[in-house]
Amino acid sequence: MDSWYKNEPHIWYDGYGPAVATNFIERYKEDIAYMKEIGIQSYRTSINWARFLTDYENAVVDEEYAAYFSDMLDTCIENGVEPMVCLEHYELPTYLLDKYNGWSSRHVVDLFVKYALKAFERFGDRVKYWFAFNEPIVIQTRSYLDAVRWPHHQDSAMWMQWNYYKALATAAVMDAYKKSGYKRPECKFGSIINVETVYPRSDSKGDCDAADMYDLFYNRVFLDPALKGEYQEGFFELLKKHGIEVEHTAEELALIKENTLDWVGINLYHPNRVKERTCAVKEGAPFHPDFYYEDFDMPGKKMNPFRGWEIWPKIIYDFGMRMKNEYGNTEWFVAESGMGVQDEQKFRDESGIIQDDYRIDFIKQHLYWAVQAAKDGSNILGYMLWAFTDNVSPMNAFKNRYGLVEIDLEHNRDRHLKKSAYFYQKTIANRYFMYENKKEFK
């Protein structure tokens, strides 16, 4: 994030970069007190790999950062908030990008394991729930497949090598965690995967095949090794057909096979709709998954006009049934679900509270389908909103606000509860809310 901003500050919304953001590191005690007030039961955060270590080769810990993180965990626990910790959330150290081309290198997998073991050593006595990555496919897709983000280097083979080594790193850390002695019976290890829930335009074979290929390249590329311990049969051969050779060994595939995850967090925001390709791909163009599909713009869809995303709450139920039917009903939870809205201050009432009824409706609709998935047998354990507070998103900075709690940039980043925070508080306390047509939903 920092290197991207330093190279392209002009593309960040209002030139606002990642340096200060919400200033959580200075105000975590205040924020965690708000978590307690609202009744939030768990908080998913991440260790910043780039800050936690001063020497990535030898896993030397930065004691000042480690002390902050340790105290933050203690504060969560003291306030009845269960910490859930991710090892990498877009924070690949620039040193590793510069020296090894990041996740192109098998050596970086070994360094990630070293880092993880240091994290377990420092915080494993208090953290029961660990995750390898947040949205492991995103960085390389934006930067090396689509090449729309810095460093704008299009290399489809590099994109897939990053995918593979991140999947391998997930299994390698799981293996190291099990053997380390830090994994107690109540502990769980997983990853946070952004599933691009895909729907075909129609039930025609062409459209369904297009959706299957979209799913293979954007979803199964991480879901399959994480939950089945293997890639779809013929996957590597398909890549070779397009000139993509993924460096891998039989020993690495065995490691993946032996270390399927305890659970997964799934980020679900919007559906992706595709149709059979009708236009030929330009001869000589670098491989892209859209070789097999075209996007489909469904008429009449409900949109979040600020973010440009379709709102389709049933994605949670549909994915829950997929976990039940395709992935052994492994435990999972919704790790992110939310609605980003621009210029929210215009919804502030005379009392100073942002009246975000649109967010309340969004939560109700999605939580409804989460509960329906549980009732129909999916092993879904919970629903987590993105996000607790407003926060910086890559490139969009604070443009779209997602939080239950406002971050007031004009007044020293002061915190204010939105109307949705009070709704969330009441829903958690009473375990029900009024759904459509004033129907009580438990």
Protein backbone atom coordinates (compact mmCIF):
# COMPACT_ATOMS: atom_id res chain seq x y z
CA MET A 1 0.00 0.00 0.00
CA ASP A 2 2.70 2.51 0.98
CA SER A 3 4.80 1.85 -2.12
CA TRP A 4 1.77 2.10 -4.37
CA TYR A 5 0.82 5.44 -2.85
CA LYS A 6 4.36 6.79 -3.12
CA ASN A 7 4.43 5.88 -6.80
CA GLU A 8 0.87 6.97 -7.67
CA PRO A 9 -0.50 9.42 -5.08
CA HIS A 10 -2.60 11.14 -7.75
CA ILE A 11 -4.94 8.18 -8.22
CA TRP A 12 -5.93 7.97 -4.54
CA TYR A 13 -9.19 9.73 -3.78
CA ASP A 14 -8.43 13.37 -2.88
CA GLY A 15 -4.77 12.34 -2.73
CA TYR A 16 -5.47 10.74 0.66
CA GLY A 17 -3.08 7.87 1.28
CA PRO A 18 -2.69 5.05 3.80
CA ALA A 19 -0.33 6.73 6.27
CA VAL A 20 -2.74 7.72 9.06
CA ALA A 21 -6.12 6.29 8.00
CA THR A 22 -8.34 5.83 11.08
CA ASN A 23 -5.40 6.23 13.47
CA PHE A 24 -6.50 3.06 15.24
CA ILE A 25 -2.97 2.52 16.54
CA GLU A 26 -3.37 5.63 18.71
CA ARG A 27 -7.08 5.26 19.49
CA TYR A 28 -7.65 1.53 19.81
CA LYS A 29 -8.77 1.76 23.45
CA GLU A 30 -11.49 4.22 22.47
CA ASP A 31 -12.55 2.10 19.51
CA ILE A 32 -12.63 -1.14 21.50
CA ALA A 33 -14.81 0.61 24.10
CA TYR A 34 -17.26 1.32 21.27
CA MET A 35 -17.12 -2.35 20.27
CA LYS A 36 -18.12 -3.26 23.81
CA GLU A 37 -20.88 -0.66 23.85
CA ILE A 38 -22.38 -1.96 20.61
CA GLY A 39 -22.03 -5.56 21.78
CA ILE A 40 -19.66 -6.76 19.06
CA GLN A 41 -18.43 -10.21 20.06
CA SER A 42 -15.34 -10.53 17.88
CA TYR A 43 -12.96 -8.27 16.00
CA ARG A 44 -11.02 -9.35 12.94
CA THR A 45 -7.81 -7.44 12.48
CA SER A 46 -4.35 -8.10 11.07
CA ILE A 47 -0.73 -7.95 12.02
CA ASN A 48 1.14 -5.73 9.61
CA TRP A 49 3.90 -8.04 8.40
CA ALA A 50 5.93 -5.07 7.19
CA ARG A 51 5.84 -3.42 10.64
CA PHE A 52 6.02 -6.47 12.89
CA LEU A 53 9.50 -7.46 11.67
CA THR A 54 12.62 -5.38 11.17
CA ASP A 55 14.49 -8.25 9.49
CA TYR A 56 12.33 -10.43 7.25
CA GLU A 57 15.02 -13.01 6.52
CA ASN A 58 15.63 -13.80 10.19
CA ALA A 59 12.21 -12.85 11.60
CA VAL A 60 13.48 -10.20 14.00
CA VAL A 61 10.57 -8.56 15.80
CA ASP A 62 10.03 -4.82 16.09
CA GLU A 63 9.43 -4.63 19.85
CA GLU A 64 7.59 -1.30 19.78
CA TYR A 65 5.03 -2.56 17.26
CA ALA A 66 4.73 -5.92 19.04
CA ALA A 67 4.06 -4.15 22.34
CA TYR A 68 1.26 -2.13 20.75
CA PHE A 69 -0.30 -5.22 19.22
CA SER A 70 -0.05 -7.16 22.47
CA ASP A 71 -1.75 -4.41 24.43
CA MET A 72 -4.44 -4.09 21.78
CA LEU A 73 -5.20 -7.81 22.10
CA ASP A 74 -5.36 -7.53 25.88
CA THR A 75 -7.75 -4.58 25.58
CA CYS A 76 -10.03 -6.60 23.29
CA ILE A 77 -10.13 -9.52 25.69
CA GLU A 78 -10.70 -7.29 28.73
CA ASN A 79 -13.74 -5.84 26.95
CA GLY A 80 -15.21 -9.20 25.98
CA VAL A 81 -14.21 -8.95 22.32
CA GLU A 82 -12.60 -12.06 20.79
CA PRO A 83 -9.61 -11.12 18.61
CA MET A 84 -9.31 -12.85 15.24
CA VAL A 85 -5.95 -12.22 13.60
CA CYS A 86 -4.95 -12.30 9.93
CA LEU A 87 -1.28 -12.63 8.97
CA GLU A 88 -1.40 -10.73 5.67
CA HIS A 89 -3.96 -8.16 4.60
CA TYR A 90 -2.31 -6.55 1.55
CA GLU A 91 0.88 -5.87 3.57
CA LEU A 92 3.60 -7.69 1.66
CA PRO A 93 6.82 -5.90 2.72
CA THR A 94 8.29 -3.82 -0.10
CA TYR A 95 11.67 -5.39 0.68
CA LEU A 96 10.30 -8.77 -0.43
CA LEU A 97 8.70 -7.26 -3.52
CA ASP A 98 11.93 -5.59 -4.55
CA LYS A 99 14.27 -8.47 -3.78
CA TYR A 100 12.22 -11.53 -4.69
CA ASN A 101 9.36 -10.21 -6.82
CA GLY A 102 7.07 -10.96 -3.90
CA TRP A 103 5.02 -14.14 -4.09
CA SER A 104 6.77 -15.14 -7.31
CA SER A 105 9.42 -16.69 -5.07
CA ARG A 106 9.27 -19.99 -3.17
CA HIS A 107 11.64 -18.40 -0.64
CA VAL A 108 8.95 -15.91 0.35
CA VAL A 109 6.74 -18.85 1.36
CA ASP A 110 9.46 -19.94 3.81
CA LEU A 111 9.83 -16.39 5.14
CA PHE A 112 6.07 -16.18 5.65
CA VAL A 113 6.21 -19.33 7.78
CA LYS A 114 9.05 -17.83 9.86
CA TYR A 115 6.99 -14.69 10.38
CA ALA A 116 3.89 -16.68 11.32
CA LEU A 117 5.78 -18.69 13.93
CA LYS A 118 6.97 -15.45 15.53
CA ALA A 119 3.39 -14.21 15.63
CA PHE A 120 2.21 -17.46 17.22
CA GLU A 121 5.04 -17.24 19.74
CA ARG A 122 4.15 -13.69 20.77
CA PHE A 123 0.36 -13.82 20.67
CA GLY A 124 -0.71 -17.47 20.49
CA ASP A 125 -1.50 -17.54 24.20
CA ARG A 126 -4.36 -15.08 23.62
CA VAL A 127 -5.37 -15.53 19.98
CA LYS A 128 -7.45 -18.63 19.23
CA TYR A 129 -8.43 -17.77 15.66
CA TRP A 130 -5.77 -17.19 13.01
CA PHE A 131 -6.02 -16.60 9.26
CA ALA A 132 -3.27 -16.73 6.67
CA PHE A 133 -4.52 -14.11 4.22
CA ASN A 134 -7.28 -11.67 3.58
CA GLU A 135 -8.45 -11.86 -0.04
CA PRO A 136 -5.33 -13.61 -1.31
CA ILE A 137 -6.18 -13.19 -5.00
CA VAL A 138 -6.72 -9.43 -5.09
CA ILE A 139 -3.29 -7.80 -5.22
CA GLN A 140 -1.88 -9.87 -8.06
CA THR A 141 -5.14 -9.74 -10.02
CA ARG A 142 -5.24 -5.96 -9.97
CA SER A 143 -1.48 -5.50 -10.54
CA TYR A 144 -0.36 -8.39 -12.76
CA LEU A 145 -3.43 -9.84 -14.48
CA ASP A 146 -5.56 -6.75 -15.15
CA ALA A 147 -2.56 -4.43 -14.64
CA VAL A 148 -4.82 -1.57 -13.54
CA ARG A 149 -2.79 -0.88 -10.38
CA TRP A 150 0.85 -0.14 -9.74
CA PRO A 151 3.25 -1.48 -10.92
CA HIS A 152 1.05 -2.11 -14.02
CA HIS A 153 3.02 -5.14 -15.11
CA GLN A 154 0.87 -7.53 -17.10
CA ASP A 155 2.08 -11.10 -16.63
CA SER A 156 -0.56 -13.83 -16.46
CA ALA A 157 1.98 -16.49 -15.49
CA MET A 158 3.19 -14.35 -12.61
CA TRP A 159 -0.42 -13.85 -11.52
CA MET A 160 -0.96 -17.59 -11.31
CA GLN A 161 2.38 -18.22 -9.58
CA TRP A 162 1.38 -15.75 -6.88
CA ASN A 163 -1.95 -17.58 -6.53
CA TYR A 164 -0.20 -20.91 -6.15
CA TYR A 165 2.45 -19.79 -3.68
CA LYS A 166 -0.16 -18.08 -1.51
CA ALA A 167 -2.17 -21.32 -1.44
CA LEU A 168 1.02 -23.20 -0.59
CA ALA A 169 1.92 -20.66 2.11
CA THR A 170 -1.52 -21.13 3.68
CA ALA A 171 -0.95 -24.89 3.93
CA ALA A 172 2.66 -24.46 5.10
CA VAL A 173 1.64 -22.15 7.94
CA MET A 174 -1.19 -24.49 8.90
CA ASP A 175 1.35 -27.32 9.06
CA ALA A 176 3.79 -25.24 11.11
CA TYR A 177 1.02 -24.14 13.48
CA LYS A 178 -0.04 -27.73 14.15
CA LYS A 179 3.54 -28.79 14.86
CA SER A 180 4.50 -25.73 16.90
CA GLY A 181 2.62 -26.51 20.08
CA TYR A 182 0.73 -23.21 19.92
CA LYS A 183 -2.38 -24.78 18.37
CA ARG A 184 -4.60 -25.73 21.29
CA PRO A 185 -7.79 -27.80 20.84
CA GLU A 186 -9.99 -24.70 20.86
CA CYS A 187 -7.88 -22.92 18.23
CA LYS A 188 -8.74 -22.70 14.53
CA PHE A 189 -6.67 -21.79 11.50
CA GLY A 190 -8.14 -20.59 8.23
CA SER A 191 -8.03 -17.94 5.55
CA ILE A 192 -10.30 -15.10 4.45
CA ILE A 193 -11.32 -15.66 0.83
CA ASN A 194 -13.23 -13.19 -1.29
CA VAL A 195 -15.59 -15.37 -3.25
CA GLU A 196 -16.73 -13.86 -6.52
CA THR A 197 -20.14 -15.52 -6.48
CA VAL A 198 -20.97 -16.09 -10.13
CA TYR A 199 -24.29 -16.60 -11.91
CA PRO A 200 -24.78 -17.53 -15.58
CA ARG A 201 -27.05 -15.35 -17.70
CA SER A 202 -29.21 -18.38 -18.48
CA ASP A 203 -29.31 -22.16 -18.08
CA SER A 204 -27.84 -22.68 -21.54
CA LYS A 205 -24.74 -24.86 -21.72
CA GLY A 206 -22.65 -22.00 -23.07
CA ASP A 207 -23.60 -19.64 -20.25
CA CYS A 208 -23.16 -22.30 -17.57
CA ASP A 209 -19.75 -23.28 -18.94
CA ALA A 210 -18.75 -19.61 -18.88
CA ALA A 211 -19.77 -19.36 -15.22
CA ASP A 212 -17.86 -22.55 -14.39
CA MET A 213 -14.66 -21.16 -15.89
CA TYR A 214 -15.08 -17.85 -14.08
CA ASP A 215 -15.55 -19.80 -10.87
CA LEU A 216 -12.49 -21.94 -11.53
CA PHE A 217 -10.09 -19.03 -12.00
CA TYR A 218 -11.39 -16.66 -9.33
CA ASN A 219 -12.87 -18.91 -6.64
CA ARG A 220 -11.77 -22.52 -6.86
CA VAL A 221 -8.16 -21.49 -7.32
CA PHE A 222 -8.19 -20.85 -3.54
CA LEU A 223 -11.27 -22.69 -2.27
CA ASP A 224 -10.19 -26.08 -3.65
CA PRO A 225 -6.69 -26.29 -2.13
CA ALA A 226 -7.91 -24.73 1.12
CA LEU A 227 -10.91 -27.04 1.64
CA LYS A 228 -10.32 -30.08 -0.59
CA GLY A 229 -6.53 -30.11 -0.46
CA GLU A 230 -6.20 -30.27 -4.22
CA TYR A 231 -6.77 -28.39 -7.45
CA GLN A 232 -9.44 -29.36 -9.93
CA GLU A 233 -8.31 -32.22 -12.09
CA GLY A 234 -6.63 -30.96 -15.23
CA PHE A 235 -6.13 -27.42 -13.89
CA PHE A 236 -2.38 -27.24 -14.47
CA GLU A 237 -2.78 -28.79 -17.91
CA LEU A 238 -5.36 -26.14 -18.79
CA LEU A 239 -2.89 -23.44 -17.78
CA LYS A 240 -0.19 -25.01 -19.97
CA LYS A 241 -2.57 -24.79 -22.91
CA HIS A 242 -2.35 -21.03 -22.45
CA GLY A 243 1.41 -21.01 -22.03
CA ILE A 244 1.35 -20.72 -18.23
CA GLU A 245 3.77 -22.99 -16.39
CA VAL A 246 3.27 -22.94 -12.62
CA GLU A 247 6.35 -23.97 -10.67
CA HIS A 248 5.25 -26.65 -8.24
CA THR A 249 6.40 -29.99 -6.85
CA ALA A 250 4.75 -33.21 -5.77
CA GLU A 251 5.95 -32.54 -2.22
CA GLU A 252 4.24 -29.16 -2.19
CA LEU A 253 0.97 -30.62 -3.46
CA ALA A 254 1.20 -33.27 -0.74
CA LEU A 255 1.63 -30.52 1.87
CA ILE A 256 -1.51 -28.83 0.55
CA LYS A 257 -3.35 -32.16 0.63
CA GLU A 258 -2.43 -32.78 4.27
CA ASN A 259 -3.35 -29.33 5.56
CA THR A 260 -6.90 -28.44 4.69
CA LEU A 261 -8.19 -25.58 6.81
CA ASP A 262 -10.28 -25.74 9.96
CA TRP A 263 -12.63 -23.09 8.62
CA VAL A 264 -12.80 -20.14 6.26
CA GLY A 265 -14.05 -16.60 6.43
CA ILE A 266 -15.80 -15.53 3.24
CA ASN A 267 -16.10 -11.96 1.97
CA LEU A 268 -19.36 -11.54 0.07
CA TYR A 269 -20.39 -8.21 -1.42
CA HIS A 270 -22.05 -8.62 -4.80
CA PRO A 271 -22.84 -11.20 -7.47
CA ASN A 272 -20.91 -11.55 -10.72
CA ARG A 273 -22.98 -12.33 -13.80
CA VAL A 274 -21.50 -13.76 -16.97
CA LYS A 275 -22.51 -15.13 -20.35
CA GLU A 276 -20.99 -17.19 -23.11
CA ARG A 277 -18.32 -15.34 -25.06
CA THR A 278 -19.59 -14.06 -28.37
CA CYS A 279 -16.62 -11.92 -29.44
CA ALA A 280 -13.32 -13.49 -30.40
CA VAL A 281 -10.28 -12.78 -28.24
CA LYS A 282 -7.67 -10.70 -30.04
CA GLU A 283 -5.00 -12.96 -31.45
CA GLY A 284 -1.78 -12.77 -29.46
CA ALA A 285 -3.43 -11.18 -26.41
CA PRO A 286 -2.04 -12.33 -23.05
CA PHE A 287 -4.14 -14.95 -21.32
CA HIS A 288 -6.99 -13.68 -19.18
CA PRO A 289 -9.82 -15.76 -17.69
CA ASP A 290 -12.27 -13.74 -19.76
CA PHE A 291 -11.04 -15.83 -22.66
CA TYR A 292 -13.94 -18.06 -21.51
CA TYR A 293 -16.68 -15.58 -20.61
CA GLU A 294 -18.14 -12.12 -21.05
CA ASP A 295 -19.69 -9.98 -18.33
CA PHE A 296 -23.47 -9.84 -18.35
CA ASP A 297 -25.27 -6.66 -17.32
CA MET A 298 -28.55 -7.94 -15.97
CA PRO A 299 -31.48 -5.59 -16.59
CA GLY A 300 -33.36 -4.34 -13.56
CA LYS A 301 -30.73 -5.20 -10.97
CA LYS A 302 -30.70 -3.35 -7.67
CA MET A 303 -27.55 -1.27 -7.36
CA ASN A 304 -25.50 0.52 -4.78
CA PRO A 305 -24.94 3.61 -6.96
CA PHE A 306 -22.04 4.87 -4.86
CA ARG A 307 -19.90 1.74 -5.19
CA GLY A 308 -21.22 0.50 -8.53
CA TRP A 309 -22.06 -2.94 -7.14
CA GLU A 310 -25.23 -4.95 -7.48
CA ILE A 311 -27.06 -5.73 -4.24
CA TRP A 312 -28.14 -9.37 -4.17
CA PRO A 313 -28.38 -10.58 -0.54
CA LYS A 314 -29.08 -14.17 -1.53
CA ILE A 315 -25.39 -14.64 -2.37
CA ILE A 316 -24.92 -15.59 1.29
CA TYR A 317 -27.49 -18.37 1.13
CA ASP A 318 -26.26 -19.63 -2.21
CA PHE A 319 -22.68 -19.82 -1.00
CA GLY A 320 -23.84 -21.52 2.20
CA MET A 321 -25.48 -24.25 0.16
CA ARG A 322 -22.31 -24.59 -1.86
CA MET A 323 -20.26 -25.12 1.30
CA LYS A 324 -22.77 -27.73 2.40
CA ASN A 325 -22.93 -29.60 -0.88
CA GLU A 326 -19.46 -29.19 -2.43
CA TYR A 327 -17.02 -28.60 0.41
CA GLY A 328 -17.92 -31.12 3.07
CA ASN A 329 -19.95 -28.59 5.05
CA THR A 330 -16.77 -27.13 6.49
CA GLU A 331 -17.33 -24.43 9.11
CA TRP A 332 -17.40 -20.92 7.67
CA PHE A 333 -18.60 -17.44 8.45
CA VAL A 334 -19.29 -14.23 6.59
CA ALA A 335 -16.12 -12.26 7.24
CA GLU A 336 -17.14 -9.18 5.25
CA SER A 337 -20.48 -7.87 4.07
CA GLY A 338 -21.16 -4.19 3.76
CA MET A 339 -22.34 -1.15 1.89
CA GLY A 340 -20.03 1.72 0.97
CA VAL A 341 -21.75 5.10 0.59
CA GLN A 342 -20.23 8.39 -0.53
CA ASP A 343 -20.90 11.76 1.19
CA GLU A 344 -22.70 10.20 4.13
CA GLN A 345 -22.61 13.48 6.02
CA LYS A 346 -25.62 14.60 3.99
CA PHE A 347 -27.67 12.05 5.94
CA ARG A 348 -26.79 13.63 9.32
CA ASP A 349 -29.84 14.79 11.29
CA GLU A 350 -30.19 17.73 13.68
CA SER A 351 -28.85 15.60 16.56
CA GLY A 352 -25.64 14.93 14.64
CA ILE A 353 -26.29 11.23 13.97
CA ILE A 354 -25.97 9.87 10.43
CA GLN A 355 -29.31 8.29 9.53
CA ASP A 356 -28.00 5.37 7.47
CA ASP A 357 -31.26 3.49 7.06
CA TYR A 358 -29.94 2.12 3.75
CA ARG A 359 -27.21 0.29 5.71
CA ILE A 360 -29.73 -1.07 8.21
CA ASP A 361 -31.82 -2.45 5.33
CA PHE A 362 -28.68 -3.94 3.76
CA ILE A 363 -27.74 -5.69 7.02
CA LYS A 364 -31.26 -7.01 7.57
CA GLN A 365 -31.47 -8.51 4.09
CA HIS A 366 -28.08 -10.17 4.27
CA LEU A 367 -28.44 -11.38 7.83
CA TYR A 368 -31.80 -12.90 6.88
CA TRP A 369 -30.14 -15.09 4.24
CA ALA A 370 -27.29 -16.00 6.59
CA VAL A 371 -29.80 -17.35 9.09
CA GLN A 372 -31.70 -19.15 6.34
CA ALA A 373 -28.48 -20.86 5.28
CA ALA A 374 -27.96 -22.06 8.85
CA LYS A 375 -31.54 -23.29 9.08
CA ASP A 376 -31.05 -25.28 5.87
CA GLY A 377 -27.99 -27.06 7.18
CA SER A 378 -25.01 -24.95 6.17
CA ASN A 379 -22.32 -24.87 8.84
CA ILE A 380 -22.26 -21.07 8.99
CA LEU A 381 -21.04 -19.73 12.33
CA GLY A 382 -21.59 -16.00 12.06
CA TYR A 383 -21.97 -12.75 10.18
CA MET A 384 -19.41 -9.94 10.39
CA LEU A 385 -20.00 -6.52 8.92
CA TRP A 386 -17.44 -4.55 6.96
CA ALA A 387 -16.77 -2.48 8.82
CA PHE A 388 -16.83 -1.50 12.47
CA THR A 389 -15.64 2.02 11.67
CA ASP A 390 -15.24 3.91 8.44
CA ASN A 391 -11.87 3.01 6.96
CA VAL A 392 -9.45 3.59 4.12
CA SER A 393 -9.95 1.39 1.07
CA PRO A 394 -7.20 1.04 -1.54
CA MET A 395 -7.34 3.95 -3.97
CA ASN A 396 -10.82 5.03 -2.79
CA ALA A 397 -9.41 6.11 0.57
CA PHE A 398 -12.33 7.47 2.66
CA LYS A 399 -14.55 8.09 -0.40
CA ASN A 400 -17.03 5.33 0.43
CA ARG A 401 -17.98 4.94 4.08
CA TYR A 402 -18.71 1.46 5.39
CA GLY A 403 -18.76 1.82 9.17
CA LEU A 404 -21.22 1.54 11.99
CA VAL A 405 -19.05 4.24 13.53
CA GLU A 406 -18.24 7.46 11.69
CA ILE A 407 -14.67 8.73 11.41
CA ASP A 408 -15.04 12.52 11.24
CA LEU A 409 -12.06 13.71 9.22
CA GLU A 410 -12.98 17.37 9.71
CA HIS A 411 -12.84 17.10 13.49
CA ASN A 412 -9.68 15.22 14.48
CA ARG A 413 -11.05 11.86 13.34
CA ASP A 414 -13.56 11.90 16.18
CA ARG A 415 -15.83 8.86 16.42
CA HIS A 416 -19.63 9.02 16.30
CA LEU A 417 -22.11 6.14 16.30
CA LYS A 418 -24.40 6.04 13.27
CA LYS A 419 -28.02 4.95 13.41
CA SER A 420 -26.91 1.53 12.15
CA ALA A 421 -24.70 1.09 15.23
CA TYR A 422 -27.76 1.37 17.48
CA PHE A 423 -29.65 -1.07 15.26
CA TYR A 424 -26.73 -3.52 15.43
CA GLN A 425 -26.55 -3.09 19.20
CA LYS A 426 -30.24 -3.87 19.62
CA THR A 427 -30.12 -6.82 17.21
CA ILE A 428 -27.18 -8.40 19.06
CA ALA A 429 -28.77 -7.86 22.47
CA ASN A 430 -32.25 -9.11 21.55
CA ARG A 431 -31.25 -11.60 18.83
CA TYR A 432 -34.05 -10.48 16.54
CA PHE A 433 -35.12 -7.55 14.36
CA MET A 434 -38.20 -6.46 12.49
CA TYR A 435 -37.95 -7.64 8.90
CA GLU A 436 -40.17 -6.94 5.92
CA ASN A 437 -43.83 -6.08 6.63
CA LYS A 438 -43.03 -5.69 10.34
CA LYS A 439 -42.39 -9.41 10.67
CA GLU A 440 -40.28 -10.38 13.65
CA PHE A 441 -37.19 -12.26 12.52
CA LYS A 442 -35.19 -14.25 15.05
